[in-house]
Amino acid sequence: MNYSEQFLVKKLVDLAKIPSPSGFTDTIITYLDSELRGMGFIPHRTRKGALVVEIGGQERPIVLAAHVDTLGAMVKSLKPNGRLEMTNIGGFTMNSIENENCIVHTKS
């Protein structure tokens, strides 16, 4: 199984573009499920929504685990000047997200 650097970078960029804040990971899990099936693997979902796939092989088994949710924030209020007041979900510092684009998910 050899993939080019260009292929891997494209897949990582595609993954990074999928909104997946904590608690809302179904879209990215569905994407990964489809991609893995397209590569000939047979992934399955756990009762808690995780995706598991066995790669196979002859050597000692190893496990590769990764999370698919992105660190997010919750809108606490909308300030009079139109800016958002946020509270963290995860562990980023506010100066690390200054001037970043964001997607606001709402109930409607």
PDB file of N, CA and C in Angstrom:
ATOM      1  N   MET A   1       0.847  -1.167   0.000  1.00  0.00           N
ATOM      2  CA  MET A   1       0.000   0.000   0.000  1.00  0.00           C
ATOM      3  C   MET A   1       0.896   1.235   0.000  1.00  0.00           C
ATOM      4  N   ASN A   2       1.139   1.790  -1.146  1.00  0.00           N
ATOM      5  CA  ASN A   2       1.967   2.983  -1.271  1.00  0.00           C
ATOM      6  C   ASN A   2       1.135   4.122  -1.837  1.00  0.00           C
ATOM      7  N   TYR A   3       1.096   5.231  -1.102  1.00  0.00           N
ATOM      8  CA  TYR A   3       0.362   6.401  -1.557  1.00  0.00           C
ATOM      9  C   TYR A   3       1.345   7.542  -1.727  1.00  0.00           C
ATOM     10  N   SER A   4       1.111   8.375  -2.725  1.00  0.00           N
ATOM     11  CA  SER A   4       2.002   9.507  -2.967  1.00  0.00           C
ATOM     12  C   SER A   4       1.785  10.586  -1.905  1.00  0.00           C
ATOM     13  N   GLU A   5       2.798  11.401  -1.738  1.00  0.00           N
ATOM     14  CA  GLU A   5       2.705  12.516  -0.799  1.00  0.00           C
ATOM     15  C   GLU A   5       1.561  13.444  -1.203  1.00  0.00           C
ATOM     16  N   GLN A   6       1.411  13.679  -2.499  1.00  0.00           N
ATOM     17  CA  GLN A   6       0.341  14.550  -3.008  1.00  0.00           C
ATOM     18  C   GLN A   6      -1.035  13.993  -2.627  1.00  0.00           C
ATOM     19  N   PHE A   7      -1.229  12.681  -2.760  1.00  0.00           N
ATOM     20  CA  PHE A   7      -2.490  12.037  -2.401  1.00  0.00           C
ATOM     21  C   PHE A   7      -2.771  12.221  -0.911  1.00  0.00           C
ATOM     22  N   LEU A   8      -1.761  11.974  -0.073  1.00  0.00           N
ATOM     23  CA  LEU A   8      -1.942  12.075   1.373  1.00  0.00           C
ATOM     24  C   LEU A   8      -2.235  13.503   1.812  1.00  0.00           C
ATOM     25  N   VAL A   9      -1.543  14.476   1.229  1.00  0.00           N
ATOM     26  CA  VAL A   9      -1.790  15.876   1.571  1.00  0.00           C
ATOM     27  C   VAL A   9      -3.204  16.270   1.169  1.00  0.00           C
ATOM     28  N   LYS A  10      -3.654  15.851  -0.017  1.00  0.00           N
ATOM     29  CA  LYS A  10      -5.020  16.156  -0.458  1.00  0.00           C
ATOM     30  C   LYS A  10      -6.044  15.579   0.509  1.00  0.00           C
ATOM     31  N   LYS A  11      -5.847  14.335   0.944  1.00  0.00           N
ATOM     32  CA  LYS A  11      -6.783  13.700   1.877  1.00  0.00           C
ATOM     33  C   LYS A  11      -6.808  14.434   3.214  1.00  0.00           C
ATOM     34  N   LEU A  12      -5.637  14.857   3.705  1.00  0.00           N
ATOM     35  CA  LEU A  12      -5.586  15.605   4.963  1.00  0.00           C
ATOM     36  C   LEU A  12      -6.286  16.950   4.841  1.00  0.00           C
ATOM     37  N   VAL A  13      -6.100  17.629   3.705  1.00  0.00           N
ATOM     38  CA  VAL A  13      -6.781  18.907   3.477  1.00  0.00           C
ATOM     39  C   VAL A  13      -8.288  18.685   3.408  1.00  0.00           C
ATOM     40  N   ASP A  14      -8.723  17.642   2.697  1.00  0.00           N
ATOM     41  CA  ASP A  14     -10.153  17.320   2.618  1.00  0.00           C
ATOM     42  C   ASP A  14     -10.728  17.083   4.017  1.00  0.00           C
ATOM     43  N   LEU A  15     -10.010  16.330   4.841  1.00  0.00           N
ATOM     44  CA  LEU A  15     -10.463  16.059   6.212  1.00  0.00           C
ATOM     45  C   LEU A  15     -10.560  17.346   7.028  1.00  0.00           C
ATOM     46  N   ALA A  16      -9.553  18.195   6.906  1.00  0.00           N
ATOM     47  CA  ALA A  16      -9.520  19.433   7.690  1.00  0.00           C
ATOM     48  C   ALA A  16     -10.649  20.384   7.313  1.00  0.00           C
ATOM     49  N   LYS A  17     -11.186  20.266   6.111  1.00  0.00           N
ATOM     50  CA  LYS A  17     -12.264  21.146   5.655  1.00  0.00           C
ATOM     51  C   LYS A  17     -13.643  20.715   6.158  1.00  0.00           C
ATOM     52  N   ILE A  18     -13.744  19.515   6.727  1.00  0.00           N
ATOM     53  CA  ILE A  18     -15.044  19.019   7.191  1.00  0.00           C
ATOM     54  C   ILE A  18     -15.285  19.516   8.611  1.00  0.00           C
ATOM     55  N   PRO A  19     -16.326  20.337   8.823  1.00  0.00           N
ATOM     56  CA  PRO A  19     -16.615  20.793  10.183  1.00  0.00           C
ATOM     57  C   PRO A  19     -16.918  19.592  11.092  1.00  0.00           C
ATOM     58  N   SER A  20     -16.239  19.537  12.234  1.00  0.00           N
ATOM     59  CA  SER A  20     -16.445  18.400  13.138  1.00  0.00           C
ATOM     60  C   SER A  20     -16.231  18.802  14.591  1.00  0.00           C
ATOM     61  N   PRO A  21     -16.972  19.823  15.064  1.00  0.00           N
ATOM     62  CA  PRO A  21     -16.797  20.187  16.469  1.00  0.00           C
ATOM     63  C   PRO A  21     -17.241  19.045  17.378  1.00  0.00           C
ATOM     64  N   SER A  22     -16.704  19.022  18.579  1.00  0.00           N
ATOM     65  CA  SER A  22     -17.040  17.971  19.540  1.00  0.00           C
ATOM     66  C   SER A  22     -18.552  17.803  19.637  1.00  0.00           C
ATOM     67  N   GLY A  23     -18.997  16.559  19.524  1.00  0.00           N
ATOM     68  CA  GLY A  23     -20.426  16.255  19.583  1.00  0.00           C
ATOM     69  C   GLY A  23     -21.108  16.245  18.227  1.00  0.00           C
ATOM     70  N   PHE A  24     -20.422  16.686  17.184  1.00  0.00           N
ATOM     71  CA  PHE A  24     -21.000  16.759  15.841  1.00  0.00           C
ATOM     72  C   PHE A  24     -20.037  16.155  14.823  1.00  0.00           C
ATOM     73  N   THR A  25     -19.690  14.883  15.013  1.00  0.00           N
ATOM     74  CA  THR A  25     -18.671  14.245  14.176  1.00  0.00           C
ATOM     75  C   THR A  25     -19.242  13.269  13.156  1.00  0.00           C
ATOM     76  N   ASP A  26     -20.559  13.175  13.041  1.00  0.00           N
ATOM     77  CA  ASP A  26     -21.146  12.186  12.134  1.00  0.00           C
ATOM     78  C   ASP A  26     -20.720  12.407  10.681  1.00  0.00           C
ATOM     79  N   THR A  27     -20.640  13.658  10.244  1.00  0.00           N
ATOM     80  CA  THR A  27     -20.265  13.939   8.851  1.00  0.00           C
ATOM     81  C   THR A  27     -18.863  13.426   8.539  1.00  0.00           C
ATOM     82  N   ILE A  28     -17.908  13.689   9.414  1.00  0.00           N
ATOM     83  CA  ILE A  28     -16.532  13.264   9.147  1.00  0.00           C
ATOM     84  C   ILE A  28     -16.383  11.747   9.291  1.00  0.00           C
ATOM     85  N   ILE A  29     -17.129  11.142  10.216  1.00  0.00           N
ATOM     86  CA  ILE A  29     -17.089   9.679  10.359  1.00  0.00           C
ATOM     87  C   ILE A  29     -17.663   9.028   9.101  1.00  0.00           C
ATOM     88  N   THR A  30     -18.757   9.572   8.569  1.00  0.00           N
ATOM     89  CA  THR A  30     -19.351   9.046   7.338  1.00  0.00           C
ATOM     90  C   THR A  30     -18.378   9.187   6.170  1.00  0.00           C
ATOM     91  N   TYR A  31     -17.689  10.329   6.087  1.00  0.00           N
ATOM     92  CA  TYR A  31     -16.682  10.544   5.042  1.00  0.00           C
ATOM     93  C   TYR A  31     -15.571   9.505   5.148  1.00  0.00           C
ATOM     94  N   LEU A  32     -15.031   9.314   6.348  1.00  0.00           N
ATOM     95  CA  LEU A  32     -13.951   8.337   6.544  1.00  0.00           C
ATOM     96  C   LEU A  32     -14.410   6.926   6.216  1.00  0.00           C
ATOM     97  N   ASP A  33     -15.628   6.577   6.617  1.00  0.00           N
ATOM     98  CA  ASP A  33     -16.188   5.256   6.319  1.00  0.00           C
ATOM     99  C   ASP A  33     -16.203   5.031   4.808  1.00  0.00           C
ATOM    100  N   SER A  34     -16.686   6.023   4.069  1.00  0.00           N
ATOM    101  CA  SER A  34     -16.760   5.918   2.611  1.00  0.00           C
ATOM    102  C   SER A  34     -15.370   5.813   1.980  1.00  0.00           C
ATOM    103  N   GLU A  35     -14.438   6.642   2.432  1.00  0.00           N
ATOM    104  CA  GLU A  35     -13.076   6.612   1.896  1.00  0.00           C
ATOM    105  C   GLU A  35     -12.411   5.257   2.155  1.00  0.00           C
ATOM    106  N   LEU A  36     -12.558   4.740   3.365  1.00  0.00           N
ATOM    107  CA  LEU A  36     -11.948   3.448   3.704  1.00  0.00           C
ATOM    108  C   LEU A  36     -12.560   2.319   2.884  1.00  0.00           C
ATOM    109  N   ARG A  37     -13.878   2.351   2.703  1.00  0.00           N
ATOM    110  CA  ARG A  37     -14.528   1.329   1.872  1.00  0.00           C
ATOM    111  C   ARG A  37     -14.034   1.415   0.428  1.00  0.00           C
ATOM    112  N   GLY A  38     -13.827   2.640  -0.062  1.00  0.00           N
ATOM    113  CA  GLY A  38     -13.298   2.835  -1.406  1.00  0.00           C
ATOM    114  C   GLY A  38     -11.889   2.289  -1.580  1.00  0.00           C
ATOM    115  N   MET A  39     -11.167   2.151  -0.473  1.00  0.00           N
ATOM    116  CA  MET A  39      -9.811   1.588  -0.498  1.00  0.00           C
ATOM    117  C   MET A  39      -9.818   0.080  -0.260  1.00  0.00           C
ATOM    118  N   GLY A  40     -11.033  -0.491  -0.114  1.00  0.00           N
ATOM    119  CA  GLY A  40     -11.137  -1.938   0.051  1.00  0.00           C
ATOM    120  C   GLY A  40     -11.195  -2.432   1.488  1.00  0.00           C
ATOM    121  N   PHE A  41     -11.269  -1.522   2.457  1.00  0.00           N
ATOM    122  CA  PHE A  41     -11.369  -1.926   3.861  1.00  0.00           C
ATOM    123  C   PHE A  41     -12.831  -2.075   4.262  1.00  0.00           C
ATOM    124  N   ILE A  42     -13.065  -2.715   5.395  1.00  0.00           N
ATOM    125  CA  ILE A  42     -14.427  -2.906   5.888  1.00  0.00           C
ATOM    126  C   ILE A  42     -14.525  -2.307   7.297  1.00  0.00           C
ATOM    127  N   PRO A  43     -14.748  -0.993   7.382  1.00  0.00           N
ATOM    128  CA  PRO A  43     -14.868  -0.360   8.698  1.00  0.00           C
ATOM    129  C   PRO A  43     -16.222  -0.651   9.334  1.00  0.00           C
ATOM    130  N   HIS A  44     -16.282  -0.549  10.660  1.00  0.00           N
ATOM    131  CA  HIS A  44     -17.571  -0.636  11.345  1.00  0.00           C
ATOM    132  C   HIS A  44     -17.600   0.392  12.472  1.00  0.00           C
ATOM    133  N   ARG A  45     -18.808   0.792  12.832  1.00  0.00           N
ATOM    134  CA  ARG A  45     -18.985   1.789  13.888  1.00  0.00           C
ATOM    135  C   ARG A  45     -19.295   1.102  15.208  1.00  0.00           C
ATOM    136  N   THR A  46     -18.746   1.668  16.260  1.00  0.00           N
ATOM    137  CA  THR A  46     -19.046   1.160  17.592  1.00  0.00           C
ATOM    138  C   THR A  46     -20.376   1.755  18.052  1.00  0.00           C
ATOM    139  N   ARG A  47     -20.877   1.262  19.171  1.00  0.00           N
ATOM    140  CA  ARG A  47     -22.132   1.799  19.714  1.00  0.00           C
ATOM    141  C   ARG A  47     -22.014   3.271  20.078  1.00  0.00           C
ATOM    142  N   LYS A  48     -20.802   3.721  20.359  1.00  0.00           N
ATOM    143  CA  LYS A  48     -20.602   5.128  20.725  1.00  0.00           C
ATOM    144  C   LYS A  48     -20.239   6.001  19.531  1.00  0.00           C
ATOM    145  N   GLY A  49     -20.260   5.435  18.318  1.00  0.00           N
ATOM    146  CA  GLY A  49     -20.044   6.228  17.116  1.00  0.00           C
ATOM    147  C   GLY A  49     -18.624   6.270  16.591  1.00  0.00           C
ATOM    148  N   ALA A  50     -17.703   5.554  17.236  1.00  0.00           N
ATOM    149  CA  ALA A  50     -16.325   5.521  16.733  1.00  0.00           C
ATOM    150  C   ALA A  50     -16.251   4.635  15.497  1.00  0.00           C
ATOM    151  N   LEU A  51     -15.252   4.851  14.690  1.00  0.00           N
ATOM    152  CA  LEU A  51     -15.036   4.056  13.486  1.00  0.00           C
ATOM    153  C   LEU A  51     -13.816   3.167  13.706  1.00  0.00           C
ATOM    154  N   VAL A  52     -13.977   1.872  13.444  1.00  0.00           N
ATOM    155  CA  VAL A  52     -12.900   0.899  13.636  1.00  0.00           C
ATOM    156  C   VAL A  52     -12.677   0.171  12.322  1.00  0.00           C
ATOM    157  N   VAL A  53     -11.412  -0.009  11.951  1.00  0.00           N
ATOM    158  CA  VAL A  53     -11.088  -0.747  10.733  1.00  0.00           C
ATOM    159  C   VAL A  53      -9.856  -1.601  11.003  1.00  0.00           C
ATOM    160  N   GLU A  54      -9.913  -2.847  10.572  1.00  0.00           N
ATOM    161  CA  GLU A  54      -8.767  -3.740  10.690  1.00  0.00           C
ATOM    162  C   GLU A  54      -8.010  -3.712   9.370  1.00  0.00           C
ATOM    163  N   ILE A  55      -6.731  -3.406   9.450  1.00  0.00           N
ATOM    164  CA  ILE A  55      -5.897  -3.315   8.253  1.00  0.00           C
ATOM    165  C   ILE A  55      -5.390  -4.695   7.838  1.00  0.00           C
ATOM    166  N   GLY A  56      -5.084  -5.533   8.811  1.00  0.00           N
ATOM    167  CA  GLY A  56      -4.554  -6.866   8.517  1.00  0.00           C
ATOM    168  C   GLY A  56      -3.043  -6.860   8.429  1.00  0.00           C
ATOM    169  N   GLY A  57      -2.472  -8.018   8.224  1.00  0.00           N
ATOM    170  CA  GLY A  57      -1.023  -8.141   8.123  1.00  0.00           C
ATOM    171  C   GLY A  57      -0.535  -9.383   8.840  1.00  0.00           C
ATOM    172  N   GLN A  58       0.764  -9.617   8.775  1.00  0.00           N
ATOM    173  CA  GLN A  58       1.363 -10.827   9.333  1.00  0.00           C
ATOM    174  C   GLN A  58       2.163 -10.574  10.609  1.00  0.00           C
ATOM    175  N   GLU A  59       2.544  -9.351  10.870  1.00  0.00           N
ATOM    176  CA  GLU A  59       3.391  -9.032  12.020  1.00  0.00           C
ATOM    177  C   GLU A  59       2.554  -8.859  13.285  1.00  0.00           C
ATOM    178  N   ARG A  60       3.249  -8.506  14.371  1.00  0.00           N
ATOM    179  CA  ARG A  60       2.569  -8.234  15.637  1.00  0.00           C
ATOM    180  C   ARG A  60       1.514  -7.150  15.440  1.00  0.00           C
ATOM    181  N   PRO A  61       0.351  -7.309  16.015  1.00  0.00           N
ATOM    182  CA  PRO A  61      -0.688  -6.287  15.828  1.00  0.00           C
ATOM    183  C   PRO A  61      -0.326  -4.979  16.535  1.00  0.00           C
ATOM    184  N   ILE A  62      -0.728  -3.893  15.923  1.00  0.00           N
ATOM    185  CA  ILE A  62      -0.585  -2.571  16.527  1.00  0.00           C
ATOM    186  C   ILE A  62      -1.916  -1.842  16.377  1.00  0.00           C
ATOM    187  N   VAL A  63      -2.103  -0.822  17.173  1.00  0.00           N
ATOM    188  CA  VAL A  63      -3.320  -0.016  17.105  1.00  0.00           C
ATOM    189  C   VAL A  63      -2.929   1.422  16.792  1.00  0.00           C
ATOM    190  N   LEU A  64      -3.627   2.013  15.853  1.00  0.00           N
ATOM    191  CA  LEU A  64      -3.487   3.435  15.557  1.00  0.00           C
ATOM    192  C   LEU A  64      -4.831   4.063  15.888  1.00  0.00           C
ATOM    193  N   ALA A  65      -4.833   5.004  16.798  1.00  0.00           N
ATOM    194  CA  ALA A  65      -6.079   5.648  17.205  1.00  0.00           C
ATOM    195  C   ALA A  65      -5.955   7.154  17.001  1.00  0.00           C
ATOM    196  N   ALA A  66      -7.041   7.770  16.569  1.00  0.00           N
ATOM    197  CA  ALA A  66      -7.039   9.220  16.362  1.00  0.00           C
ATOM    198  C   ALA A  66      -8.433   9.762  16.636  1.00  0.00           C
ATOM    199  N   HIS A  67      -8.489  10.997  17.072  1.00  0.00           N
ATOM    200  CA  HIS A  67      -9.799  11.626  17.246  1.00  0.00           C
ATOM    201  C   HIS A  67     -10.123  12.433  16.000  1.00  0.00           C
ATOM    202  N   VAL A  68     -11.401  12.587  15.711  1.00  0.00           N
ATOM    203  CA  VAL A  68     -11.799  13.312  14.505  1.00  0.00           C
ATOM    204  C   VAL A  68     -12.511  14.621  14.818  1.00  0.00           C
ATOM    205  N   ASP A  69     -12.746  14.889  16.096  1.00  0.00           N
ATOM    206  CA  ASP A  69     -13.392  16.156  16.418  1.00  0.00           C
ATOM    207  C   ASP A  69     -12.350  17.263  16.470  1.00  0.00           C
ATOM    208  N   THR A  70     -12.801  18.462  16.167  1.00  0.00           N
ATOM    209  CA  THR A  70     -11.922  19.623  16.216  1.00  0.00           C
ATOM    210  C   THR A  70     -12.241  20.418  17.469  1.00  0.00           C
ATOM    211  N   LEU A  71     -11.231  21.099  17.977  1.00  0.00           N
ATOM    212  CA  LEU A  71     -11.464  21.948  19.138  1.00  0.00           C
ATOM    213  C   LEU A  71     -12.415  23.050  18.730  1.00  0.00           C
ATOM    214  N   GLY A  72     -13.330  23.336  19.595  1.00  0.00           N
ATOM    215  CA  GLY A  72     -14.326  24.330  19.256  1.00  0.00           C
ATOM    216  C   GLY A  72     -14.564  25.297  20.391  1.00  0.00           C
ATOM    217  N   ALA A  73     -15.528  26.122  20.196  1.00  0.00           N
ATOM    218  CA  ALA A  73     -15.950  27.073  21.207  1.00  0.00           C
ATOM    219  C   ALA A  73     -17.461  27.170  21.129  1.00  0.00           C
ATOM    220  N   MET A  74     -18.038  27.632  22.200  1.00  0.00           N
ATOM    221  CA  MET A  74     -19.477  27.814  22.231  1.00  0.00           C
ATOM    222  C   MET A  74     -19.747  29.315  22.345  1.00  0.00           C
ATOM    223  N   VAL A  75     -20.700  29.784  21.558  1.00  0.00           N
ATOM    224  CA  VAL A  75     -21.053  31.199  21.617  1.00  0.00           C
ATOM    225  C   VAL A  75     -21.818  31.441  22.909  1.00  0.00           C
ATOM    226  N   LYS A  76     -21.254  32.308  23.734  1.00  0.00           N
ATOM    227  CA  LYS A  76     -21.877  32.650  25.016  1.00  0.00           C
ATOM    228  C   LYS A  76     -22.905  33.768  24.820  1.00  0.00           C
ATOM    229  N   SER A  77     -22.528  34.741  23.983  1.00  0.00           N
ATOM    230  CA  SER A  77     -23.453  35.838  23.684  1.00  0.00           C
ATOM    231  C   SER A  77     -22.972  36.587  22.448  1.00  0.00           C
ATOM    232  N   LEU A  78     -23.848  37.399  21.916  1.00  0.00           N
ATOM    233  CA  LEU A  78     -23.515  38.290  20.809  1.00  0.00           C
ATOM    234  C   LEU A  78     -23.384  39.686  21.406  1.00  0.00           C
ATOM    235  N   LYS A  79     -22.209  40.267  21.298  1.00  0.00           N
ATOM    236  CA  LYS A  79     -21.946  41.580  21.898  1.00  0.00           C
ATOM    237  C   LYS A  79     -22.620  42.686  21.078  1.00  0.00           C
ATOM    238  N   PRO A  80     -22.877  43.847  21.684  1.00  0.00           N
ATOM    239  CA  PRO A  80     -23.496  44.964  20.963  1.00  0.00           C
ATOM    240  C   PRO A  80     -22.723  45.386  19.710  1.00  0.00           C
ATOM    241  N   ASN A  81     -21.397  45.161  19.698  1.00  0.00           N
ATOM    242  CA  ASN A  81     -20.591  45.539  18.530  1.00  0.00           C
ATOM    243  C   ASN A  81     -20.594  44.460  17.449  1.00  0.00           C
ATOM    244  N   GLY A  82     -21.382  43.397  17.641  1.00  0.00           N
ATOM    245  CA  GLY A  82     -21.494  42.336  16.644  1.00  0.00           C
ATOM    246  C   GLY A  82     -20.501  41.206  16.804  1.00  0.00           C
ATOM    247  N   ARG A  83     -19.598  41.329  17.747  1.00  0.00           N
ATOM    248  CA  ARG A  83     -18.619  40.266  17.984  1.00  0.00           C
ATOM    249  C   ARG A  83     -19.210  39.188  18.882  1.00  0.00           C
ATOM    250  N   LEU A  84     -18.611  38.004  18.779  1.00  0.00           N
ATOM    251  CA  LEU A  84     -19.072  36.878  19.582  1.00  0.00           C
ATOM    252  C   LEU A  84     -18.295  36.803  20.885  1.00  0.00           C
ATOM    253  N   GLU A  85     -18.993  36.556  21.973  1.00  0.00           N
ATOM    254  CA  GLU A  85     -18.326  36.209  23.232  1.00  0.00           C
ATOM    255  C   GLU A  85     -18.377  34.695  23.319  1.00  0.00           C
ATOM    256  N   MET A  86     -17.208  34.076  23.487  1.00  0.00           N
ATOM    257  CA  MET A  86     -17.138  32.616  23.412  1.00  0.00           C
ATOM    258  C   MET A  86     -16.653  32.013  24.718  1.00  0.00           C
ATOM    259  N   THR A  87     -16.945  30.723  24.856  1.00  0.00           N
ATOM    260  CA  THR A  87     -16.374  29.912  25.921  1.00  0.00           C
ATOM    261  C   THR A  87     -15.741  28.693  25.260  1.00  0.00           C
ATOM    262  N   ASN A  88     -14.594  28.265  25.760  1.00  0.00           N
ATOM    263  CA  ASN A  88     -13.841  27.165  25.143  1.00  0.00           C
ATOM    264  C   ASN A  88     -14.534  25.812  25.272  1.00  0.00           C
ATOM    265  N   ILE A  89     -14.377  25.005  24.239  1.00  0.00           N
ATOM    266  CA  ILE A  89     -14.657  23.567  24.288  1.00  0.00           C
ATOM    267  C   ILE A  89     -13.367  22.934  23.788  1.00  0.00           C
ATOM    268  N   GLY A  90     -12.577  22.431  24.659  1.00  0.00           N
ATOM    269  CA  GLY A  90     -11.257  21.918  24.288  1.00  0.00           C
ATOM    270  C   GLY A  90     -10.187  22.742  24.969  1.00  0.00           C
ATOM    271  N   GLY A  91      -9.013  22.811  24.371  1.00  0.00           N
ATOM    272  CA  GLY A  91      -7.906  23.402  25.081  1.00  0.00           C
ATOM    273  C   GLY A  91      -7.111  24.460  24.355  1.00  0.00           C
ATOM    274  N   PHE A  92      -7.679  25.175  23.397  1.00  0.00           N
ATOM    275  CA  PHE A  92      -6.892  26.184  22.695  1.00  0.00           C
ATOM    276  C   PHE A  92      -6.829  27.481  23.501  1.00  0.00           C
ATOM    277  N   THR A  93      -5.839  28.311  23.194  1.00  0.00           N
ATOM    278  CA  THR A  93      -5.764  29.634  23.803  1.00  0.00           C
ATOM    279  C   THR A  93      -6.333  30.641  22.812  1.00  0.00           C
ATOM    280  N   MET A  94      -6.942  31.676  23.323  1.00  0.00           N
ATOM    281  CA  MET A  94      -7.615  32.639  22.451  1.00  0.00           C
ATOM    282  C   MET A  94      -6.655  33.285  21.446  1.00  0.00           C
ATOM    283  N   ASN A  95      -5.387  33.547  21.833  1.00  0.00           N
ATOM    284  CA  ASN A  95      -4.479  34.182  20.877  1.00  0.00           C
ATOM    285  C   ASN A  95      -4.075  33.240  19.749  1.00  0.00           C
ATOM    286  N   SER A  96      -4.343  31.949  19.883  1.00  0.00           N
ATOM    287  CA  SER A  96      -4.021  31.018  18.795  1.00  0.00           C
ATOM    288  C   SER A  96      -5.094  31.001  17.711  1.00  0.00           C
ATOM    289  N   ILE A  97      -6.253  31.583  17.984  1.00  0.00           N
ATOM    290  CA  ILE A  97      -7.327  31.573  16.987  1.00  0.00           C
ATOM    291  C   ILE A  97      -7.671  32.962  16.453  1.00  0.00           C
ATOM    292  N   GLU A  98      -6.935  33.973  16.925  1.00  0.00           N
ATOM    293  CA  GLU A  98      -7.186  35.336  16.460  1.00  0.00           C
ATOM    294  C   GLU A  98      -7.058  35.412  14.941  1.00  0.00           C
ATOM    295  N   ASN A  99      -8.001  36.042  14.299  1.00  0.00           N
ATOM    296  CA  ASN A  99      -8.052  36.225  12.839  1.00  0.00           C
ATOM    297  C   ASN A  99      -8.330  34.943  12.067  1.00  0.00           C
ATOM    298  N   GLU A 100      -8.729  33.888  12.730  1.00  0.00           N
ATOM    299  CA  GLU A 100      -9.088  32.648  12.040  1.00  0.00           C
ATOM    300  C   GLU A 100     -10.539  32.729  11.584  1.00  0.00           C
ATOM    301  N   ASN A 101     -10.840  32.049  10.485  1.00  0.00           N
ATOM    302  CA  ASN A 101     -12.228  31.921  10.049  1.00  0.00           C
ATOM    303  C   ASN A 101     -12.925  30.952  10.982  1.00  0.00           C
ATOM    304  N   CYS A 102     -14.211  31.121  11.140  1.00  0.00           N
ATOM    305  CA  CYS A 102     -14.954  30.174  11.964  1.00  0.00           C
ATOM    306  C   CYS A 102     -16.319  29.918  11.336  1.00  0.00           C
ATOM    307  N   ILE A 103     -16.889  28.803  11.706  1.00  0.00           N
ATOM    308  CA  ILE A 103     -18.238  28.438  11.276  1.00  0.00           C
ATOM    309  C   ILE A 103     -19.083  28.375  12.534  1.00  0.00           C
ATOM    310  N   VAL A 104     -20.178  29.107  12.546  1.00  0.00           N
ATOM    311  CA  VAL A 104     -21.069  29.102  13.698  1.00  0.00           C
ATOM    312  C   VAL A 104     -22.223  28.164  13.392  1.00  0.00           C
ATOM    313  N   HIS A 105     -22.364  27.108  14.186  1.00  0.00           N
ATOM    314  CA  HIS A 105     -23.469  26.163  14.040  1.00  0.00           C
ATOM    315  C   HIS A 105     -24.603  26.631  14.950  1.00  0.00           C
ATOM    316  N   THR A 106     -25.806  26.699  14.395  1.00  0.00           N
ATOM    317  CA  THR A 106     -26.962  27.120  15.179  1.00  0.00           C
ATOM    318  C   THR A 106     -28.005  26.015  15.189  1.00  0.00           C
ATOM    319  N   LYS A 107     -29.011  26.171  16.035  1.00  0.00           N
ATOM    320  CA  LYS A 107     -30.072  25.164  16.119  1.00  0.00           C
ATOM    321  C   LYS A 107     -30.993  25.205  14.910  1.00  0.00           C
ATOM    322  N   SER A 108     -31.065  26.340  14.223  1.00  0.00           N
ATOM    323  CA  SER A 108     -31.978  26.434  13.074  1.00  0.00           C
ATOM    324  C   SER A 108     -31.241  26.662  11.783  1.00  0.00           C
TER     325      SER A 108
END
